[in-house]
Protein backbone atom coordinates (compact mmCIF):
# COMPACT_ATOMS: atom_id res chain seq x y z
CA MET A 1 116.16 90.21 113.43
CA ASN A 2 116.78 88.25 110.45
CA LEU A 3 119.28 90.47 108.87
CA ILE A 4 120.25 87.73 106.21
CA LEU A 5 116.93 87.90 104.84
CA LEU A 6 116.61 91.73 104.95
CA LYS A 7 119.81 92.13 103.22
CA ALA A 8 118.65 89.69 100.35
CA LEU A 9 115.59 91.53 100.01
CA LEU A 10 117.42 94.83 99.83
CA GLU A 11 120.08 93.72 97.22
CA ALA A 12 117.70 92.11 94.89
CA ALA A 13 116.89 94.67 91.98
CA GLY A 14 113.30 94.70 91.38
CA PRO A 15 112.01 98.05 89.79
CA SER A 16 108.27 98.14 88.91
CA GLY A 17 107.37 95.93 86.17
CA SER A 18 110.66 93.75 86.61
CA GLU A 19 110.22 92.61 90.14
CA GLU A 20 111.21 89.19 89.41
CA ARG A 21 114.48 88.87 91.49
CA ALA A 22 112.88 90.42 94.58
CA SER A 23 110.06 88.01 94.17
CA ALA A 24 112.60 84.97 94.09
CA VAL A 25 113.97 86.05 97.52
CA PHE A 26 110.29 86.31 98.78
CA LEU A 27 109.18 82.90 97.36
CA GLU A 28 112.33 81.04 98.63
CA GLU A 29 111.76 82.43 102.18
CA ALA A 30 107.98 81.72 102.10
CA ARG A 31 108.62 78.18 101.06
CA SER A 32 110.64 77.54 104.21
CA PHE A 33 107.45 77.91 106.58
CA ALA A 34 104.23 78.87 104.63
CA ASP A 35 101.44 76.50 103.73
CA ARG A 36 101.31 77.59 100.30
CA SER A 37 103.36 80.20 98.03
CA TYR A 38 102.67 81.21 94.40
CA THR A 39 102.51 83.87 91.91
CA ASP A 40 99.72 85.11 89.74
CA ASP A 41 99.65 86.04 86.04
CA PHE A 42 100.39 89.73 86.82
CA GLY A 43 103.47 89.06 88.80
CA ASN A 44 102.21 89.49 92.39
CA VAL A 45 103.65 86.98 94.89
CA TYR A 46 101.62 85.35 97.63
CA ALA A 47 102.37 83.33 100.87
CA GLU A 48 99.59 81.66 102.82
CA ILE A 49 99.09 79.78 106.11
CA GLY A 50 95.66 78.39 107.26
CA PRO A 51 92.93 76.93 105.42
CA ALA A 52 93.11 77.18 101.59
CA GLU A 53 89.33 78.29 101.17
CA GLY A 54 87.46 81.27 102.71
CA LYS A 55 87.76 84.85 102.46
CA PRO A 56 91.16 85.74 103.94
CA ARG A 57 92.86 88.18 106.24
CA VAL A 58 95.37 89.90 104.09
CA LEU A 59 98.86 91.48 105.08
CA GLU A 60 100.45 93.27 102.05
CA ALA A 61 103.38 95.25 101.12
CA HIS A 62 104.46 96.31 97.57
CA ILE A 63 107.74 94.54 96.62
CA ASP A 64 108.84 96.92 93.74
CA GLU A 65 111.24 99.70 93.98
CA ILE A 66 112.07 102.98 91.99
CA GLY A 67 114.47 102.62 89.05
CA VAL A 68 115.31 103.77 85.66
CA MET A 69 114.42 102.91 82.00
CA VAL A 70 116.99 103.71 79.26
CA SER A 71 115.27 105.50 76.47
CA HIS A 72 118.23 106.19 73.94
CA VAL A 73 122.02 105.71 73.44
CA ASP A 74 123.64 108.34 71.57
CA ASP A 75 126.83 107.78 69.24
CA GLU A 76 129.03 108.65 72.05
CA GLY A 77 127.74 105.88 74.09
CA ASN A 78 125.93 108.21 76.57
CA ALA A 79 122.53 106.33 77.64
CA TYR A 80 119.59 108.64 78.51
CA PHE A 81 116.84 107.31 80.69
CA ASN A 82 113.56 108.13 82.23
CA GLU A 83 112.31 107.41 85.80
CA ILE A 84 110.46 104.62 87.08
CA GLY A 85 108.66 106.13 89.90
CA GLY A 86 109.57 109.62 91.23
CA MET A 87 112.88 110.81 92.16
CA ASP A 88 114.45 114.09 93.24
CA LYS A 89 116.79 114.58 90.55
CA ALA A 90 119.44 115.85 93.04
CA VAL A 91 120.02 112.33 94.33
CA LEU A 92 120.65 111.03 90.77
CA VAL A 93 123.81 113.20 90.00
CA GLY A 94 126.83 110.83 90.39
CA ALA A 95 124.64 107.88 91.69
CA ARG A 96 125.63 104.47 90.72
CA VAL A 97 122.98 102.48 88.70
CA ARG A 98 122.58 98.75 87.90
CA LEU A 99 121.32 98.03 84.53
CA LEU A 100 119.47 94.65 84.20
CA ALA A 101 120.84 94.27 80.64
CA PRO A 102 119.95 91.34 78.42
CA GLU A 103 123.65 89.94 78.41
CA GLY A 104 124.25 90.60 82.19
CA ASP A 105 124.10 93.43 84.45
CA LEU A 106 126.08 96.58 84.04
CA ILE A 107 127.20 99.12 86.36
CA GLY A 108 127.02 102.86 85.50
CA VAL A 109 127.35 106.29 86.79
CA VAL A 110 124.88 109.16 86.32
CA GLY A 111 126.59 111.97 84.66
CA ARG A 112 125.89 115.86 84.29
CA LYS A 113 127.76 118.74 82.63
CA PRO A 114 130.57 119.79 85.26
CA ILE A 115 129.49 122.88 87.39
CA HIS A 116 132.63 124.61 86.05
CA LEU A 117 130.96 124.58 82.64
CA MET A 118 127.62 125.79 83.49
CA SER A 119 126.43 129.31 83.03
CA SER A 120 124.61 131.23 86.02
CA GLU A 121 121.44 130.50 84.18
CA GLU A 122 121.89 126.72 84.02
CA ARG A 123 122.92 126.49 87.72
CA ALA A 124 119.87 128.59 88.70
CA ALA A 125 117.63 126.29 86.68
CA GLY A 126 118.28 123.26 88.70
CA ILE A 127 118.70 119.69 87.53
CA LYS A 128 116.55 118.31 84.72
CA LEU A 129 116.21 114.78 83.83
CA GLU A 130 117.07 115.39 80.16
CA ASP A 131 120.39 116.80 81.11
CA LEU A 132 121.45 113.67 82.76
CA SER A 133 122.93 110.45 81.24
CA LEU A 134 124.41 107.23 82.26
CA ASP A 135 128.21 106.69 81.67
CA LEU A 136 128.72 102.83 81.59
CA ALA A 137 132.67 103.13 80.82
CA LEU A 138 132.14 101.04 77.57
CA GLU A 139 132.96 101.57 73.91
CA PRO A 140 129.87 103.36 72.17
CA ASP A 141 129.21 100.39 70.14
CA ASP A 142 129.33 98.05 73.02
CA VAL A 143 126.82 100.29 74.95
CA LYS A 144 124.47 100.40 71.86
CA ARG A 145 124.65 96.55 71.46
CA ARG A 146 124.21 95.68 75.27
CA VAL A 147 121.90 98.49 76.31
CA PRO A 148 118.63 98.33 74.12
CA SER A 149 116.02 100.84 74.59
CA GLY A 150 113.69 99.74 77.38
CA THR A 151 116.45 98.20 79.47
CA VAL A 152 115.63 98.85 83.22
CA GLY A 153 117.85 99.47 86.19
CA VAL A 154 117.90 100.50 89.88
CA LEU A 155 120.09 102.64 92.14
CA GLU A 156 123.06 100.98 93.34
CA ALA A 157 123.92 101.02 97.15
CA THR A 158 125.60 99.10 99.76
CA VAL A 159 123.34 98.05 102.57
CA LEU A 160 124.62 99.34 105.88
CA PHE A 161 123.63 98.28 109.45
CA ILE A 162 124.43 100.89 111.99
CA GLY A 163 123.20 100.06 115.40
CA GLN A 164 119.51 99.85 115.25
CA ARG A 165 119.48 101.54 111.69
CA VAL A 166 119.46 100.21 108.22
CA VAL A 167 120.56 102.49 105.33
CA SER A 168 119.88 101.15 102.01
CA LYS A 169 118.24 101.64 98.65
CA ALA A 170 114.74 99.72 98.29
CA LEU A 171 113.74 100.09 101.96
CA ASP A 172 110.60 101.54 100.33
CA ASN A 173 109.19 99.05 100.35
CA ARG A 174 111.40 95.89 101.00
CA ILE A 175 111.08 96.68 104.65
CA GLY A 176 107.27 96.31 104.47
CA ILE A 177 108.03 92.75 102.73
CA TYR A 178 110.33 91.81 105.57
CA ALA A 179 107.85 92.70 108.21
CA GLY A 180 105.10 90.80 106.57
CA LEU A 181 107.26 87.63 106.36
CA GLU A 182 108.36 87.90 109.81
CA ALA A 183 104.80 88.57 110.95
CA LEU A 184 103.60 85.51 108.93
CA ARG A 185 106.21 83.16 110.28
CA GLN A 186 105.52 84.22 113.79
CA LEU A 187 101.79 83.51 113.22
CA LYS A 188 102.42 80.10 111.94
CA GLU A 189 104.60 79.47 114.88
CA ARG A 190 101.87 80.53 117.29
CA GLY A 191 99.21 78.18 115.76
CA CYS A 192 97.17 80.69 113.85
CA THR A 193 94.27 78.62 112.54
CA GLU A 194 92.66 81.22 110.12
CA ARG A 195 93.40 81.80 106.49
CA ILE A 196 96.18 84.71 106.20
CA VAL A 197 97.69 85.72 103.14
CA LEU A 198 100.66 87.84 102.77
CA LEU A 199 100.77 89.51 99.28
CA GLY A 200 104.02 91.11 97.82
CA GLY A 201 102.15 93.73 95.41
CA VAL A 202 104.03 94.71 92.17
CA GLN A 203 103.98 97.94 90.35
CA GLU A 204 103.02 100.36 93.22
CA GLU A 205 105.51 102.91 92.49
CA VAL A 206 103.77 103.42 88.81
CA GLY A 207 100.29 103.32 89.89
CA HIS A 208 99.48 100.48 92.50
CA HIS A 209 98.39 98.13 89.71
CA GLY A 210 99.44 94.78 91.36
CA ALA A 211 97.37 95.58 94.61
CA ARG A 212 94.34 96.47 92.31
CA VAL A 213 94.56 93.21 90.61
CA ALA A 214 95.31 90.98 93.82
CA ALA A 215 92.60 92.73 95.94
CA TYR A 216 89.85 92.01 93.26
CA GLY A 217 90.97 88.28 93.03
CA LEU A 218 91.50 87.64 96.86
CA GLU A 219 87.96 89.29 98.03
CA PRO A 220 89.64 89.86 101.59
CA ARG A 221 87.54 90.50 104.57
CA GLU A 222 90.11 93.01 105.86
CA ALA A 223 93.37 94.25 104.68
CA LEU A 224 96.50 95.41 106.88
CA VAL A 225 98.98 97.29 104.11
CA VAL A 226 102.51 98.04 105.39
CA ASP A 227 104.69 100.68 103.67
CA VAL A 228 106.81 103.49 104.81
CA THR A 229 106.14 106.85 105.88
CA PHE A 230 108.01 110.03 106.42
CA GLU A 231 110.54 110.18 109.52
CA THR A 232 109.65 113.45 110.87
CA SER A 233 112.73 114.44 112.90
CA GLN A 234 114.93 114.74 109.56
CA SER A 235 115.56 118.41 108.52
CA GLY A 236 112.97 120.26 106.58
CA VAL A 237 109.98 118.11 107.46
CA ASP A 238 106.92 120.11 108.55
CA VAL A 239 105.76 118.35 111.80
CA LYS A 240 102.77 120.57 112.08
CA ARG A 241 101.26 119.64 108.79
CA LEU A 242 102.24 115.65 109.04
CA GLY A 243 102.23 115.00 112.81
CA ALA A 244 105.14 113.37 114.51
CA SER A 245 106.45 109.90 113.61
CA PRO A 246 110.27 110.12 114.62
CA PHE A 247 112.65 107.19 114.78
CA GLY A 248 111.86 105.08 117.79
CA SER A 249 108.21 106.19 118.05
CA GLY A 250 107.04 102.65 116.80
CA VAL A 251 104.70 101.79 113.93
CA ASN A 252 102.52 104.57 112.42
CA LEU A 253 99.08 104.22 111.92
CA CYS A 254 97.47 106.45 109.08
CA VAL A 255 94.07 108.23 109.66
CA ILE A 256 92.38 109.82 106.70
CA PRO A 257 89.17 109.27 105.53
CA ILE A 258 89.56 106.59 103.02
CA LEU A 259 91.05 104.09 105.46
CA HIS A 260 88.70 102.08 107.98
CA SER A 261 88.58 104.20 111.21
CA GLY A 262 87.08 101.02 113.13
CA LEU A 263 90.03 98.88 112.35
CA ARG A 264 92.60 101.63 113.05
CA LYS A 265 91.05 101.94 116.42
CA LYS A 266 91.02 98.14 117.06
CA LEU A 267 94.85 98.23 116.00
CA GLU A 268 95.17 101.03 118.71
CA ARG A 269 93.57 98.94 121.37
CA THR A 270 95.86 95.94 120.45
CA ALA A 271 99.01 98.30 120.64
CA ARG A 272 97.98 99.70 123.97
CA ALA A 273 97.15 96.19 125.51
CA HIS A 274 100.53 94.88 124.42
CA ASP A 275 102.70 97.88 125.16
CA ILE A 276 103.44 98.31 121.57
CA PRO A 277 104.81 101.61 120.51
CA PHE A 278 102.83 103.40 117.92
CA THR A 279 101.74 107.03 116.61
CA VAL A 280 98.80 108.29 114.71
CA THR A 281 98.91 110.73 112.08
CA GLY A 282 97.26 112.14 108.88
CA GLY A 283 98.83 111.52 105.65
CA SER A 284 100.40 114.26 103.42
CA SER A 285 96.87 114.32 101.65
CA LEU A 286 93.68 113.79 103.08
CA SER A 287 92.04 112.41 100.06
CA LYS A 288 94.19 109.39 99.56
CA SER A 289 97.03 107.53 101.39
CA HIS A 290 98.90 107.20 97.81
CA THR A 291 99.61 103.68 98.79
CA ASP A 292 98.16 100.33 98.02
CA ALA A 293 95.95 100.64 101.03
CA ASP A 294 93.66 102.86 98.60
CA ASP A 295 93.17 100.15 96.00
CA PHE A 296 92.32 97.47 98.78
CA THR A 297 89.98 99.92 100.26
CA LEU A 298 88.09 100.49 96.99
CA SER A 299 88.09 97.02 95.80
CA ARG A 300 84.75 95.38 94.60
CA ARG A 301 82.30 96.73 97.31
CA GLY A 302 85.16 97.83 99.61
CA VAL A 303 87.43 96.33 102.02
CA PRO A 304 88.05 97.44 105.66
CA THR A 305 91.66 98.50 105.31
CA ALA A 306 94.36 100.02 107.77
CA LEU A 307 97.68 101.44 106.71
CA LEU A 308 100.64 100.52 109.01
CA SER A 309 103.71 102.43 108.15
CA ILE A 310 107.31 102.37 109.16
CA PRO A 311 109.07 105.88 109.38
CA CYS A 312 111.75 106.30 106.78
CA ARG A 313 114.30 109.03 106.12
CA SER A 314 115.50 110.05 102.60
CA MET A 315 112.64 108.28 100.75
CA HIS A 316 113.08 107.49 97.06
CA SER A 317 116.92 107.75 97.25
CA PRO A 318 119.96 105.43 97.51
CA GLY A 319 120.33 106.48 101.25
CA GLU A 320 116.95 105.67 102.72
CA GLN A 321 117.07 104.79 106.43
CA VAL A 322 114.83 103.03 108.85
CA ASP A 323 115.09 101.86 112.78
CA MET A 324 114.75 98.21 113.32
CA ARG A 325 112.88 99.27 116.74
CA ASP A 326 109.92 100.60 114.49
CA VAL A 327 109.97 97.62 112.11
CA ASP A 328 109.62 95.13 115.33
CA ALA A 329 106.82 97.21 116.55
CA CYS A 330 104.98 96.78 113.12
CA VAL A 331 105.61 93.12 113.09
CA ARG A 332 104.32 92.77 116.57
CA LEU A 333 101.33 94.74 116.01
CA MET A 334 100.22 92.58 113.19
CA VAL A 335 100.80 89.30 115.01
CA GLU A 336 99.02 90.36 118.24
CA TYR A 337 96.03 91.74 116.45
CA VAL A 338 95.59 88.71 114.13
CA MET A 339 95.92 86.21 117.03
CA GLU A 340 93.30 88.27 119.15
CA GLY A 341 90.81 88.17 116.35
CA GLN A 342 90.87 84.39 115.83
CA GLY A 343 87.61 82.58 116.30
């Protein structure tokens, strides 16, 4: 496990549309071993090994994370905001936020009217985004000057390594980026001779835009997309509807109509042949996976695509959690599958 790389990826702020810091970590790591690394006009980042020409096999994970965008600062210096990607409003109350302000980063705390001052109707109504504001502990004029409308930010949280577990913001989906980089490095070390492209796709959380652009340009012969899925031993999860993918069960392979069943079955055979733990479950929706895999599948005349997922707890919160045993299974499956398919 390269925990230094993982920590750097998780700490880099990169909300959808402003992924530059996370992309810089990706590119610095890729340049240490890949044959080529670059970015495109849309902001996607790439690392390649093998020949520079020909239809590639693509490994993909989105590099953006959920965040906020300031919409208004009032005369008292309260900064109001909209979401970048979906969040449970309950996790926002009291959360720390890092704003990527023009003159330098600012740390704020999301505040709400104290529960003591709420009416019974307000308590019953639940948390609304318009009732939340960001307190930056600055004078109102300083907030207005330093935080223009459109300033973006991310949830601020310490990265924790607890045994085999990692707890952090942005595991959705920097853990997929980490798995992709580790897989590409191992393929290079094992002498893979075909063209393999690792893509860090931008703007997944707001509509999968980066993957759509990149898939069209790459014209891959097949794609392995890595994302997170719901860890099913956490409280409140309906295993009867989702299927089981608890911590320690390995990489999850998604089976829904839009994804390529033949490619998934090949991955299953590879996993069994190499004793790689895995689960097979359907998605929360049978029409789409709601990941970048959908956009690869539907690119041009269609691309055989599989979705490899890492079980994750508390998704879209500052306390996301994954088990590194499942991450290792994901890396191993990608490497062994690609090595088996050469020639």
